[in-house]
């Protein structure tokens, strides 16, 4: 009976194992479009001693290797094992700041403090040294040509600037201005002439208008320092262009001398002699050279306009009416400037 029960149990197990295999086979054949007929089926029984599929995962019949479990006592001991204490780090000592040394109290047994020398300035120098400095800064070996020139400022405004410009040292204070400009105007030679550039033709410094303006901008106080002035006028002769020069010199006593160089050329100089003679009679009491030059230029122009004719083809010069003078019988210049 026991043997019969074992055989029946094994047959049930074989059927249960065969059913999944048959189901898998049917699924594969159905996917391939095949049919499993009854003739193609066969019975399969597991041999004796084989384990049924699928085998259990755990237990004595499990095909997996079994590992020994650690006892709970070992785990408890491991949990209760005391942890190794961490090694305490070295504590750093705070940085010690050096103690400040007390400053010794100032001694009160010293003598009186000596006075310091005053700072050395230009005005503290002796007058001889200052004059040497002014000679370098203010006195020029070349001639100086007064001129008005239109200048455009950075803002786009057009202004007239007066030349030559005064030394910058004269802008410091009144004393330096007086000392510097007295040498600047007293030792330099200022030449007033007709402007040569085309842009400066309307600013001719021999014209009485610009002479008067230069005199006003210079101020009478500064123009009183002037000692030497030249007034140069253009002229044309048959041999070529000439320059007629009037020289005005102020002596240390305040006397003004006026001369011209036309007599050295051999041409008639009656007009120039008359203008100088009238100027000498008129300049009694005048001590300003620019003022004297302005009056001389005006008187000479009035005499020239009386008997000569302006020629615009020659740059505004005046043409003499005759070739020779009726008084001295010398040759006339062909064209002469009126200033």
Protein backbone atom coordinates (compact mmCIF):
# COMPACT_ATOMS: atom_id res chain seq x y z
CA UNK A 1 0.00 0.00 0.00
CA UNK A 2 2.80 2.32 0.87
CA UNK A 3 4.55 1.48 -2.40
CA UNK A 4 1.37 2.07 -4.36
CA UNK A 5 0.95 5.47 -2.69
CA UNK A 6 4.46 6.46 -3.60
CA UNK A 7 3.96 5.49 -7.27
CA UNK A 8 0.71 7.45 -7.49
CA UNK A 9 2.40 10.51 -5.96
CA UNK A 10 5.24 10.32 -8.45
CA UNK A 11 2.80 10.03 -11.38
CA UNK A 12 0.96 13.15 -10.22
CA UNK A 13 4.25 14.98 -9.93
CA UNK A 14 5.27 13.87 -13.44
CA UNK A 15 1.98 15.10 -14.87
CA UNK A 16 2.32 18.41 -13.09
CA UNK A 17 5.87 18.72 -14.45
CA UNK A 18 4.78 17.75 -17.97
CA UNK A 19 1.94 20.26 -18.13
CA UNK A 20 4.17 23.36 -18.04
CA UNK A 21 6.46 21.84 -20.67
CA UNK A 22 3.54 21.12 -22.93
CA UNK A 23 2.12 24.61 -22.41
CA UNK A 24 5.44 26.23 -23.30
CA UNK A 25 5.73 24.05 -26.37
CA UNK A 26 2.25 24.97 -27.52
CA UNK A 27 3.02 28.65 -27.13
CA UNK A 28 6.22 28.38 -29.19
CA UNK A 29 4.46 26.37 -31.94
CA UNK A 30 1.57 28.82 -32.02
CA UNK A 31 4.01 31.73 -32.47
CA UNK A 32 5.61 29.88 -35.39
CA UNK A 33 2.22 29.08 -36.94
CA UNK A 34 2.42 25.32 -36.28
CA UNK A 35 -0.12 22.98 -34.72
CA UNK A 36 0.54 20.23 -32.28
CA UNK A 37 -1.46 17.18 -33.23
CA UNK A 38 -2.32 14.37 -30.93
CA UNK A 39 0.09 12.12 -32.81
CA UNK A 40 3.02 14.33 -32.05
CA UNK A 41 2.47 14.32 -28.34
CA UNK A 42 4.27 11.82 -26.21
CA UNK A 43 4.30 10.92 -22.61
CA UNK A 44 7.28 11.66 -20.48
CA UNK A 45 7.84 10.48 -17.01
CA UNK A 46 10.62 11.54 -14.72
CA UNK A 47 13.08 8.82 -13.87
CA UNK A 48 13.25 7.55 -10.36
CA UNK A 49 15.37 9.61 -8.02
CA UNK A 50 15.04 12.97 -9.90
CA UNK A 51 13.56 15.98 -8.22
CA UNK A 52 10.45 17.59 -9.49
CA UNK A 53 10.73 20.89 -11.37
CA UNK A 54 10.70 23.61 -10.30
CA UNK A 55 12.76 22.78 -7.24
CA UNK A 56 12.16 24.71 -4.02
CA UNK A 57 14.50 27.59 -3.32
CA UNK A 58 15.05 26.70 0.30
CA UNK A 59 15.20 23.56 2.31
CA UNK A 60 17.07 20.30 2.06
CA UNK A 61 15.90 19.71 -1.54
CA UNK A 62 17.06 23.17 -2.77
CA UNK A 63 19.75 23.02 -5.47
CA UNK A 64 21.34 26.23 -4.14
CA UNK A 65 24.30 25.97 -1.79
CA UNK A 66 23.52 26.76 1.80
CA UNK A 67 25.70 29.09 3.87
CA UNK A 68 25.92 28.92 7.62
CA UNK A 69 24.16 31.77 9.40
CA UNK A 70 25.94 33.72 12.06
CA UNK A 71 24.60 33.21 15.48
CA UNK A 72 22.66 36.03 17.05
CA UNK A 73 25.00 35.95 19.99
CA UNK A 74 27.97 36.90 17.79
CA UNK A 75 26.05 39.80 16.25
CA UNK A 76 25.03 41.02 19.68
CA UNK A 77 28.59 40.86 20.93
CA UNK A 78 29.79 42.78 17.88
CA UNK A 79 27.16 45.42 18.46
CA UNK A 80 28.07 45.70 22.11
CA UNK A 81 31.83 45.89 21.47
CA UNK A 82 33.19 49.17 22.79
CA UNK A 83 34.35 51.60 20.08
CA UNK A 84 37.95 52.73 20.10
CA UNK A 85 38.11 56.27 21.49
CA UNK A 86 39.44 58.92 19.07
CA UNK A 87 42.79 60.39 19.82
CA UNK A 88 42.41 63.94 21.04
CA UNK A 89 44.12 66.54 18.81
CA UNK A 90 46.74 68.88 20.07
CA UNK A 91 45.27 72.14 21.21
CA UNK A 92 46.96 75.20 19.71
CA UNK A 93 48.14 77.88 21.98
CA UNK A 94 46.82 81.36 21.23
CA UNK A 95 49.35 83.68 19.62
CA UNK A 96 50.79 86.00 22.11
CA UNK A 97 51.15 89.64 21.04
CA UNK A 98 54.32 91.33 22.17
CA UNK A 99 53.76 93.82 24.85
CA UNK A 100 54.13 97.43 23.74
CA UNK A 101 57.03 99.21 25.21
CA UNK A 102 56.15 102.35 26.99
CA UNK A 103 57.59 105.42 25.33
CA UNK A 104 59.91 107.39 27.49
CA UNK A 105 58.63 110.74 28.56
CA UNK A 106 60.17 113.64 26.64
CA UNK A 107 62.99 115.30 28.40
CA UNK A 108 62.35 118.80 29.61
CA UNK A 109 65.91 119.66 30.38
CA UNK A 110 66.95 120.69 26.83
CA UNK A 111 67.74 124.22 25.82
CA UNK A 112 65.71 126.52 23.53
CA UNK A 113 64.85 125.14 20.08
CA UNK A 114 66.85 126.97 17.39
CA UNK A 115 64.81 128.86 14.79
CA UNK A 116 64.61 127.34 11.36
CA UNK A 117 65.70 129.22 8.29
CA UNK A 118 62.93 130.74 6.22
CA UNK A 119 62.22 128.95 2.91
CA UNK A 120 64.22 130.36 0.03
CA UNK A 121 62.03 131.98 -2.65
CA UNK A 122 62.76 133.94 -5.80
CA UNK A 123 61.92 137.25 -4.17
CA UNK A 124 64.34 136.51 -1.31
CA UNK A 125 67.27 136.33 -3.72
CA UNK A 126 69.47 139.38 -4.19
CA UNK A 127 68.49 141.75 -6.98
CA UNK A 128 71.58 140.86 -9.03
CA UNK A 129 70.63 137.18 -9.10
CA UNK A 130 67.03 137.98 -10.01
CA UNK A 131 68.22 140.18 -12.88
CA UNK A 132 70.34 137.30 -14.17
CA UNK A 133 67.29 135.04 -14.16
CA UNK A 134 65.20 137.68 -15.92
CA UNK A 135 67.89 138.05 -18.59
CA UNK A 136 67.46 134.39 -19.50
CA UNK A 137 63.65 134.40 -19.43
CA UNK A 138 62.70 137.81 -20.82
CA UNK A 139 65.47 139.16 -23.06
CA UNK A 140 65.77 137.86 -26.66
CA UNK A 141 68.61 138.33 -29.09
CA UNK A 142 66.24 138.24 -32.06
CA UNK A 143 63.74 140.93 -32.97
CA UNK A 144 60.17 140.67 -31.69
CA UNK A 145 57.31 141.30 -34.14
CA UNK A 146 54.03 142.43 -32.55
CA UNK A 147 51.04 140.88 -34.28
CA UNK A 148 47.36 140.08 -33.82
CA UNK A 149 46.35 136.61 -34.96
CA UNK A 150 42.91 134.98 -35.04
CA UNK A 151 42.94 131.81 -32.96
CA UNK A 152 40.19 129.22 -32.57
CA UNK A 153 39.60 128.16 -28.98
CA UNK A 154 38.70 124.52 -28.05
CA UNK A 155 35.07 125.64 -27.71
CA UNK A 156 35.02 126.77 -31.36
CA UNK A 157 35.11 130.50 -30.59
CA UNK A 158 37.37 132.75 -32.67
CA UNK A 159 39.48 135.22 -30.69
CA UNK A 160 42.32 137.62 -31.48
CA UNK A 161 45.51 136.86 -29.61
CA UNK A 162 48.25 139.44 -29.12
CA UNK A 163 51.86 138.53 -29.84
CA UNK A 164 54.54 138.34 -28.62
CA UNK A 165 53.24 136.76 -25.45
CA UNK A 166 54.62 137.98 -22.16
CA UNK A 167 56.74 135.64 -19.97
CA UNK A 168 54.67 133.36 -17.76
CA UNK A 169 56.68 134.39 -14.71
CA UNK A 170 54.94 137.77 -14.86
CA UNK A 171 51.66 136.12 -13.81
CA UNK A 172 52.87 135.16 -10.31
CA UNK A 173 52.37 138.44 -8.45
CA UNK A 174 52.59 142.19 -8.92
CA UNK A 175 56.22 142.55 -7.92
CA UNK A 176 57.42 139.88 -10.33
CA UNK A 177 55.19 141.29 -13.06
CA UNK A 178 56.74 144.73 -12.67
CA UNK A 179 60.31 143.41 -12.57
CA UNK A 180 59.97 140.90 -15.43
CA UNK A 181 58.01 143.11 -17.83
CA UNK A 182 60.26 146.11 -17.23
CA UNK A 183 63.10 144.06 -18.72
CA UNK A 184 60.91 142.38 -21.36
CA UNK A 185 59.74 145.70 -22.83
CA UNK A 186 62.86 147.68 -21.98
CA UNK A 187 65.61 145.51 -23.52
CA UNK A 188 63.89 143.92 -26.53
CA UNK A 189 63.43 145.57 -29.93
CA UNK A 190 59.82 145.54 -31.19
CA UNK A 191 59.36 145.79 -34.96
CA UNK A 192 55.96 146.87 -36.31
CA UNK A 193 55.57 145.89 -39.95
CA UNK A 194 53.00 144.93 -42.53
CA UNK A 195 51.88 141.34 -42.14
CA UNK A 196 53.33 139.06 -44.80
CA UNK A 197 50.83 136.17 -44.68
CA UNK A 198 47.62 136.30 -46.70
CA UNK A 199 45.50 135.50 -43.66
CA UNK A 200 47.05 138.42 -41.76
CA UNK A 201 46.78 141.11 -44.46
CA UNK A 202 43.88 142.74 -42.61
CA UNK A 203 45.97 142.90 -39.39
CA UNK A 204 48.78 145.15 -40.62
CA UNK A 205 50.65 146.42 -37.57
CA UNK A 206 51.73 149.62 -39.38
CA UNK A 207 48.10 150.72 -39.51
CA UNK A 208 47.13 153.26 -36.87
CA UNK A 209 44.08 151.18 -35.88
CA UNK A 210 46.13 148.15 -34.84
CA UNK A 211 48.89 150.29 -33.36
CA UNK A 212 46.34 151.93 -31.09
CA UNK A 213 44.80 148.61 -30.10
CA UNK A 214 48.20 147.06 -29.31
CA UNK A 215 49.01 150.13 -27.20
CA UNK A 216 45.73 149.79 -25.26
CA UNK A 217 46.19 146.05 -24.66
CA UNK A 218 49.76 146.64 -23.55
CA UNK A 219 48.50 149.32 -21.08
CA UNK A 220 50.33 152.66 -20.78
CA UNK A 221 52.09 151.49 -17.62
CA UNK A 222 53.83 148.66 -19.50
CA UNK A 223 54.38 150.53 -22.78
CA UNK A 224 56.24 153.14 -20.76
CA UNK A 225 59.03 150.58 -20.36
CA UNK A 226 59.62 150.43 -24.14
CA UNK A 227 63.02 151.68 -25.26
CA UNK A 228 63.37 150.63 -28.90
CA UNK A 229 60.72 150.49 -31.64
CA UNK A 230 61.05 150.11 -35.41
CA UNK A 231 58.33 151.00 -37.90
CA UNK A 232 58.95 149.24 -41.24
CA UNK A 233 57.08 150.31 -44.38
CA UNK A 234 57.12 148.68 -47.82
CA UNK A 235 58.25 150.55 -50.95
CA UNK A 236 58.94 149.74 -54.61
CA UNK A 237 61.62 151.28 -56.80
CA UNK A 238 62.71 150.63 -60.36
CA UNK A 239 65.44 148.34 -59.07
CA UNK A 240 63.10 146.29 -56.87
CA UNK A 241 61.34 146.28 -53.49
CA UNK A 242 62.69 148.33 -50.60
CA UNK A 243 61.94 148.67 -46.90
CA UNK A 244 61.66 152.08 -45.29
CA UNK A 245 62.49 151.91 -41.57
CA UNK A 246 61.70 154.43 -38.87
CA UNK A 247 63.62 153.95 -35.65
CA UNK A 248 62.29 155.30 -32.38
CA UNK A 249 64.62 155.21 -29.38
CA UNK A 250 64.00 156.38 -25.84
CA UNK A 251 67.06 157.40 -23.84
CA UNK A 252 67.59 156.89 -20.12
CA UNK A 253 66.71 160.57 -19.56
CA UNK A 254 63.33 160.07 -21.28
CA UNK A 255 64.20 161.84 -24.56
CA UNK A 256 62.79 160.28 -27.75
CA UNK A 257 64.80 160.22 -31.00
CA UNK A 258 63.13 159.51 -34.36
CA UNK A 259 65.20 158.68 -37.46
CA UNK A 260 64.71 157.01 -40.87
CA UNK A 261 67.05 155.32 -43.34
CA UNK A 262 65.62 156.52 -46.68
CA UNK A 263 68.40 159.09 -47.02
CA UNK A 264 70.92 156.26 -47.36
CA UNK A 265 69.20 154.90 -50.49
CA UNK A 266 69.69 158.03 -52.68
CA UNK A 267 65.96 158.53 -53.28
CA UNK A 268 63.91 161.58 -52.34
CA UNK A 269 63.15 161.71 -48.64
CA UNK A 270 61.41 165.07 -48.38
CA UNK A 271 58.14 163.48 -47.26
CA UNK A 272 59.86 161.52 -44.52
CA UNK A 273 61.82 164.56 -43.27
CA UNK A 274 58.65 166.66 -43.01
CA UNK A 275 56.83 163.91 -41.09
CA UNK A 276 59.72 163.56 -38.63
CA UNK A 277 59.99 167.34 -38.14
CA UNK A 278 56.28 167.68 -37.38
CA UNK A 279 56.47 164.68 -35.07
CA UNK A 280 59.31 166.20 -33.07
CA UNK A 281 57.33 169.39 -32.59
CA UNK A 282 54.20 167.49 -31.60
CA UNK A 283 55.72 164.94 -29.24
CA UNK A 284 56.62 167.44 -26.54
CA UNK A 285 55.48 165.86 -23.30
CA UNK A 286 55.07 162.37 -24.85
CA UNK A 287 57.10 159.56 -23.30
CA UNK A 288 55.32 156.53 -24.79
CA UNK A 289 57.04 155.15 -27.90
CA UNK A 290 53.93 153.34 -29.18
CA UNK A 291 51.97 156.56 -28.91
CA UNK A 292 54.68 158.44 -30.82
CA UNK A 293 54.76 155.75 -33.54
CA UNK A 294 50.96 155.98 -33.91
CA UNK A 295 51.03 159.77 -34.35
CA UNK A 296 53.94 159.51 -36.80
CA UNK A 297 52.11 156.94 -38.94
CA UNK A 298 48.96 159.09 -38.99
CA UNK A 299 50.77 162.32 -40.01
CA UNK A 300 52.75 160.55 -42.72
CA UNK A 301 49.60 158.97 -44.19
CA UNK A 302 47.82 162.35 -44.32
CA UNK A 303 50.72 163.87 -46.28
CA UNK A 304 50.95 160.91 -48.67
CA UNK A 305 47.23 160.85 -49.45
CA UNK A 306 47.37 164.58 -50.31
CA UNK A 307 49.42 164.15 -53.53
CA UNK A 308 49.77 160.38 -54.23
CA UNK A 309 47.20 157.90 -55.57
CA UNK A 310 46.38 154.51 -54.12
CA UNK A 311 47.17 151.58 -56.43
CA UNK A 312 45.21 148.45 -55.57
CA UNK A 313 47.14 146.42 -58.15
CA UNK A 314 50.26 146.91 -56.02
CA UNK A 315 48.69 145.72 -52.77
CA UNK A 316 47.28 149.10 -51.70
CA UNK A 317 50.55 151.03 -52.05
CA UNK A 318 50.51 154.70 -53.12
CA UNK A 319 52.00 155.63 -56.50
CA UNK A 320 54.13 158.77 -56.68
CA UNK A 321 52.81 161.31 -59.24
CA UNK A 322 56.23 162.25 -60.67
CA UNK A 323 59.46 160.42 -61.29
CA UNK A 324 61.62 163.10 -59.62
CA UNK A 325 61.09 165.47 -56.70
CA UNK A 326 60.45 169.13 -57.56
CA UNK A 327 62.44 170.34 -54.54
CA UNK A 328 65.53 168.14 -54.19
CA UNK A 329 65.57 166.85 -57.80
CA UNK A 330 66.10 163.30 -56.61
CA UNK A 331 64.27 160.30 -57.94
CA UNK A 332 61.01 159.31 -56.32
CA UNK A 333 60.15 155.80 -55.27
CA UNK A 334 57.50 154.35 -57.57
CA UNK A 335 55.20 153.02 -54.81
CA UNK A 336 55.22 153.72 -51.08
CA UNK A 337 53.18 152.23 -48.25
CA UNK A 338 51.05 154.58 -46.16
CA UNK A 339 51.02 152.24 -43.16
